[in-house]
Amino acid sequence: MKVMKVKIFEIIVNKRIASPIDKDSQDFKNLTASIKKDGIMIPLRLTGQYVEFKNDIEFTLVDGLRRLEVAKDLGIQEVLAYVEMSR
């Protein structure tokens, strides 16, 4: 597993397993304020898989959906992530 900067738009979220997020909750607002002030303190966790016909890597979110959503809302373009490549 290695730490990488990954562009937000390259991260795939599996909607079937993602929990709904209440963006009006105090917890989400507190997380937004924290990330706005200090940045994302804990990198997201992703799996990466090389896709031959695209000659690129597809990243799938494993952990950090709320952090990812806050990053999108704040206009953050890329995030640090722990990436485990699958074979």
Protein backbone atom coordinates (compact mmCIF):
# COMPACT_ATOMS: atom_id res chain seq x y z
CA MET A 1 0.00 0.00 0.00
CA LYS A 2 1.33 3.43 -0.85
CA VAL A 3 0.23 7.02 -0.37
CA MET A 4 -0.68 8.87 -3.56
CA LYS A 5 -2.32 12.10 -4.62
CA VAL A 6 -5.47 11.20 -6.54
CA LYS A 7 -7.74 13.54 -8.49
CA ILE A 8 -11.26 13.63 -7.02
CA PHE A 9 -12.92 12.90 -10.37
CA GLU A 10 -10.92 9.67 -10.73
CA ILE A 11 -12.43 8.10 -7.59
CA ILE A 12 -15.30 5.67 -8.10
CA VAL A 13 -17.85 5.28 -5.29
CA ASN A 14 -19.78 2.02 -5.19
CA LYS A 15 -23.31 3.35 -4.64
CA ARG A 16 -24.60 -0.08 -3.61
CA ILE A 17 -22.51 -0.14 -0.45
CA ALA A 18 -22.22 3.58 0.30
CA SER A 19 -24.20 4.81 3.29
CA PRO A 20 -26.39 7.87 2.77
CA ILE A 21 -24.85 11.12 3.99
CA ASP A 22 -26.86 13.80 5.77
CA LYS A 23 -25.10 16.97 4.69
CA ASP A 24 -27.32 18.99 7.05
CA SER A 25 -26.15 17.08 10.14
CA GLN A 26 -23.95 18.81 12.69
CA ASP A 27 -21.31 16.08 12.28
CA PHE A 28 -21.02 16.79 8.55
CA LYS A 29 -20.88 20.54 9.17
CA ASN A 30 -18.15 20.03 11.79
CA LEU A 31 -16.15 17.85 9.39
CA THR A 32 -16.52 20.48 6.67
CA ALA A 33 -15.26 23.21 9.01
CA SER A 34 -12.32 21.03 10.10
CA ILE A 35 -11.27 20.14 6.56
CA LYS A 36 -11.67 23.75 5.44
CA LYS A 37 -9.37 24.86 8.29
CA ASP A 38 -6.82 22.04 8.45
CA GLY A 39 -7.27 19.95 5.29
CA ILE A 40 -7.94 16.22 5.23
CA MET A 41 -5.92 14.83 8.13
CA ILE A 42 -6.50 11.13 7.41
CA PRO A 43 -5.99 10.00 3.79
CA LEU A 44 -8.80 8.17 2.02
CA ARG A 45 -8.43 4.43 1.43
CA LEU A 46 -8.73 3.26 -2.16
CA THR A 47 -8.14 0.20 -4.23
CA GLY A 48 -6.47 0.69 -7.55
CA GLN A 49 -6.78 -1.57 -10.55
CA TYR A 50 -4.93 -1.20 -13.82
CA VAL A 51 -7.32 -1.19 -16.77
CA GLU A 52 -5.43 -2.26 -19.85
CA PHE A 53 -7.75 -0.90 -22.53
CA LYS A 54 -7.70 2.52 -20.83
CA ASN A 55 -3.98 2.29 -20.07
CA ASP A 56 -4.85 3.83 -16.72
CA ILE A 57 -5.68 2.99 -13.12
CA GLU A 58 -9.25 2.96 -11.77
CA PHE A 59 -9.55 3.96 -8.13
CA THR A 60 -12.43 2.67 -5.99
CA LEU A 61 -13.23 4.14 -2.59
CA VAL A 62 -12.87 1.77 0.37
CA ASP A 63 -13.06 4.26 3.25
CA GLY A 64 -13.61 8.01 3.52
CA LEU A 65 -16.92 8.77 1.80
CA ARG A 66 -17.73 11.72 4.07
CA ARG A 67 -14.23 13.19 3.60
CA LEU A 68 -14.58 12.73 -0.16
CA GLU A 69 -17.97 14.48 -0.20
CA VAL A 70 -16.62 17.38 1.86
CA ALA A 71 -13.65 17.67 -0.50
CA LYS A 72 -16.03 17.85 -3.47
CA ASP A 73 -18.18 20.48 -1.73
CA LEU A 74 -15.10 22.60 -0.95
CA GLY A 75 -13.77 22.36 -4.50
CA ILE A 76 -10.67 20.38 -3.53
CA GLN A 77 -9.20 18.93 -6.74
CA GLU A 78 -7.07 16.09 -5.36
CA VAL A 79 -6.65 14.22 -2.10
CA LEU A 80 -4.07 12.03 -0.44
CA ALA A 81 -5.06 8.38 -0.35
CA TYR A 82 -3.69 5.07 0.75
CA VAL A 83 -3.92 2.98 -2.40
CA GLU A 84 -3.75 -0.79 -2.46
CA MET A 85 -3.30 -2.12 -5.96
CA SER A 86 -5.27 -5.23 -6.83
CA ARG A 87 -3.81 -7.83 -9.09
